[in-house]
Amino acid sequence: MALLLHCNMDSELTLQLSLDDLLADLRHARRGGDLSRLALIAYCEVRRWARQAHQDALAQRSAAIVIGSPHASRDAFLADIDALIAQLDQIRSQVV
């Protein structure tokens, strides 16, 4: 039983640390205005993390930002990224 509890704690800690890294990567790319990096992180990394964390709606949303219908402008894309970052921040505050 103790081994199972230890494994669950390790996976939760790994998810928390991965989320922290993910948010740092998103914020860094956002500050630099690196649209391609933001798209890559949103589509690949956020989606992967969300699936591991059983956050299916977040996984779908992050994919839709990148592969959904084209954004009307750069600002529209950045607004979606900002909303994604806010959602991840909210999840982080609930987890910690």
C-alpha atoms as a PDB file:
ATOM      1  CA  MET A   1       0.000   0.000   0.000  1.00  0.00           C
ATOM      2  CA  ALA A   2       2.814   2.408   0.836  1.00  0.00           C
ATOM      3  CA  LEU A   3       4.399   1.784  -2.564  1.00  0.00           C
ATOM      4  CA  LEU A   4       1.154   2.675  -4.349  1.00  0.00           C
ATOM      5  CA  LEU A   5       0.817   5.872  -2.318  1.00  0.00           C
ATOM      6  CA  HIS A   6       4.438   6.756  -3.088  1.00  0.00           C
ATOM      7  CA  CYS A   7       3.870   6.200  -6.827  1.00  0.00           C
ATOM      8  CA  ASN A   8       0.777   8.419  -6.788  1.00  0.00           C
ATOM      9  CA  MET A   9       2.650  11.154  -4.934  1.00  0.00           C
ATOM     10  CA  ASP A  10       5.519  10.940  -7.428  1.00  0.00           C
ATOM     11  CA  SER A  11       3.190  11.232 -10.418  1.00  0.00           C
ATOM     12  CA  GLU A  12       1.350  14.184  -8.855  1.00  0.00           C
ATOM     13  CA  LEU A  13       4.655  15.921  -8.143  1.00  0.00           C
ATOM     14  CA  THR A  14       5.809  15.227 -11.697  1.00  0.00           C
ATOM     15  CA  LEU A  15       2.589  16.759 -13.057  1.00  0.00           C
ATOM     16  CA  GLN A  16       3.024  19.829 -10.852  1.00  0.00           C
ATOM     17  CA  LEU A  17       6.636  20.331 -11.887  1.00  0.00           C
ATOM     18  CA  SER A  18       5.759  19.771 -15.545  1.00  0.00           C
ATOM     19  CA  LEU A  19       3.011  22.362 -15.278  1.00  0.00           C
ATOM     20  CA  ASP A  20       5.435  24.872 -13.762  1.00  0.00           C
ATOM     21  CA  ASP A  21       7.885  24.273 -16.622  1.00  0.00           C
ATOM     22  CA  LEU A  22       5.107  24.530 -19.170  1.00  0.00           C
ATOM     23  CA  LEU A  23       3.912  27.862 -17.802  1.00  0.00           C
ATOM     24  CA  ALA A  24       7.472  29.191 -17.757  1.00  0.00           C
ATOM     25  CA  ASP A  25       7.968  28.172 -21.403  1.00  0.00           C
ATOM     26  CA  LEU A  26       4.675  29.767 -22.443  1.00  0.00           C
ATOM     27  CA  ARG A  27       5.417  33.012 -20.610  1.00  0.00           C
ATOM     28  CA  HIS A  28       8.918  33.224 -22.060  1.00  0.00           C
ATOM     29  CA  ALA A  29       7.664  32.713 -25.618  1.00  0.00           C
ATOM     30  CA  ARG A  30       4.792  35.145 -25.002  1.00  0.00           C
ATOM     31  CA  ARG A  31       7.127  37.876 -23.757  1.00  0.00           C
ATOM     32  CA  GLY A  32       9.316  37.374 -26.807  1.00  0.00           C
ATOM     33  CA  GLY A  33       6.363  37.357 -29.184  1.00  0.00           C
ATOM     34  CA  ASP A  34       7.505  34.028 -30.631  1.00  0.00           C
ATOM     35  CA  LEU A  35       4.293  32.880 -32.336  1.00  0.00           C
ATOM     36  CA  SER A  36       5.726  29.660 -33.721  1.00  0.00           C
ATOM     37  CA  ARG A  37       7.059  28.633 -30.310  1.00  0.00           C
ATOM     38  CA  LEU A  38       3.710  29.476 -28.716  1.00  0.00           C
ATOM     39  CA  ALA A  39       1.898  27.336 -31.283  1.00  0.00           C
ATOM     40  CA  LEU A  40       4.301  24.449 -30.721  1.00  0.00           C
ATOM     41  CA  ILE A  41       3.973  24.590 -26.942  1.00  0.00           C
ATOM     42  CA  ALA A  42       0.187  24.950 -27.060  1.00  0.00           C
ATOM     43  CA  TYR A  43      -0.309  22.111 -29.506  1.00  0.00           C
ATOM     44  CA  CYS A  44       2.326  19.632 -28.354  1.00  0.00           C
ATOM     45  CA  GLU A  45       3.257  20.338 -24.765  1.00  0.00           C
ATOM     46  CA  VAL A  46       0.009  21.671 -23.275  1.00  0.00           C
ATOM     47  CA  ARG A  47      -1.978  18.954 -24.999  1.00  0.00           C
ATOM     48  CA  ARG A  48       0.399  16.238 -23.753  1.00  0.00           C
ATOM     49  CA  TRP A  49       0.327  17.578 -20.197  1.00  0.00           C
ATOM     50  CA  ALA A  50      -3.459  17.931 -20.229  1.00  0.00           C
ATOM     51  CA  ARG A  51      -3.889  14.335 -21.334  1.00  0.00           C
ATOM     52  CA  GLN A  52      -1.584  13.105 -18.579  1.00  0.00           C
ATOM     53  CA  ALA A  53      -3.518  15.198 -16.042  1.00  0.00           C
ATOM     54  CA  HIS A  54      -6.877  13.940 -17.377  1.00  0.00           C
ATOM     55  CA  GLN A  55      -7.831  17.482 -18.431  1.00  0.00           C
ATOM     56  CA  ASP A  56      -9.494  16.495 -21.695  1.00  0.00           C
ATOM     57  CA  ALA A  57     -11.238  19.826 -22.288  1.00  0.00           C
ATOM     58  CA  LEU A  58      -7.912  21.632 -21.939  1.00  0.00           C
ATOM     59  CA  ALA A  59      -6.278  19.227 -24.395  1.00  0.00           C
ATOM     60  CA  GLN A  60      -9.019  19.881 -26.943  1.00  0.00           C
ATOM     61  CA  ARG A  61      -8.850  23.637 -26.410  1.00  0.00           C
ATOM     62  CA  SER A  62      -5.070  23.779 -26.836  1.00  0.00           C
ATOM     63  CA  ALA A  63      -5.324  21.815 -30.078  1.00  0.00           C
ATOM     64  CA  ALA A  64      -8.164  24.008 -31.362  1.00  0.00           C
ATOM     65  CA  ILE A  65      -6.079  27.144 -30.822  1.00  0.00           C
ATOM     66  CA  VAL A  66      -3.528  25.858 -33.306  1.00  0.00           C
ATOM     67  CA  ILE A  67      -5.394  23.639 -35.761  1.00  0.00           C
ATOM     68  CA  GLY A  68      -8.844  25.199 -35.572  1.00  0.00           C
ATOM     69  CA  SER A  69     -10.026  27.884 -37.927  1.00  0.00           C
ATOM     70  CA  PRO A  70      -7.447  30.571 -38.744  1.00  0.00           C
ATOM     71  CA  HIS A  71      -7.190  33.476 -36.350  1.00  0.00           C
ATOM     72  CA  ALA A  72      -8.335  36.845 -37.600  1.00  0.00           C
ATOM     73  CA  SER A  73      -5.108  38.468 -36.462  1.00  0.00           C
ATOM     74  CA  ARG A  74      -1.947  38.076 -34.449  1.00  0.00           C
ATOM     75  CA  ASP A  75      -3.710  39.742 -31.537  1.00  0.00           C
ATOM     76  CA  ALA A  76      -6.552  37.194 -31.681  1.00  0.00           C
ATOM     77  CA  PHE A  77      -4.042  34.338 -31.490  1.00  0.00           C
ATOM     78  CA  LEU A  78      -2.239  35.995 -28.588  1.00  0.00           C
ATOM     79  CA  ALA A  79      -5.561  36.527 -26.790  1.00  0.00           C
ATOM     80  CA  ASP A  80      -6.233  32.790 -27.060  1.00  0.00           C
ATOM     81  CA  ILE A  81      -2.750  32.048 -25.739  1.00  0.00           C
ATOM     82  CA  ASP A  82      -3.285  34.481 -22.851  1.00  0.00           C
ATOM     83  CA  ALA A  83      -6.549  32.726 -21.995  1.00  0.00           C
ATOM     84  CA  LEU A  84      -4.765  29.364 -22.141  1.00  0.00           C
ATOM     85  CA  ILE A  85      -2.074  30.634 -19.767  1.00  0.00           C
ATOM     86  CA  ALA A  86      -4.773  31.935 -17.405  1.00  0.00           C
ATOM     87  CA  GLN A  87      -6.511  28.556 -17.454  1.00  0.00           C
ATOM     88  CA  LEU A  88      -3.236  26.782 -16.691  1.00  0.00           C
ATOM     89  CA  ASP A  89      -2.594  29.236 -13.854  1.00  0.00           C
ATOM     90  CA  GLN A  90      -6.006  28.451 -12.445  1.00  0.00           C
ATOM     91  CA  ILE A  91      -5.336  24.713 -12.624  1.00  0.00           C
ATOM     92  CA  ARG A  92      -1.970  25.271 -10.959  1.00  0.00           C
ATOM     93  CA  SER A  93      -3.546  27.170  -8.075  1.00  0.00           C
ATOM     94  CA  GLN A  94      -6.003  24.304  -7.529  1.00  0.00           C
ATOM     95  CA  VAL A  95      -3.252  21.677  -7.613  1.00  0.00           C
ATOM     96  CA  VAL A  96      -0.834  23.463  -5.295  1.00  0.00           C
END
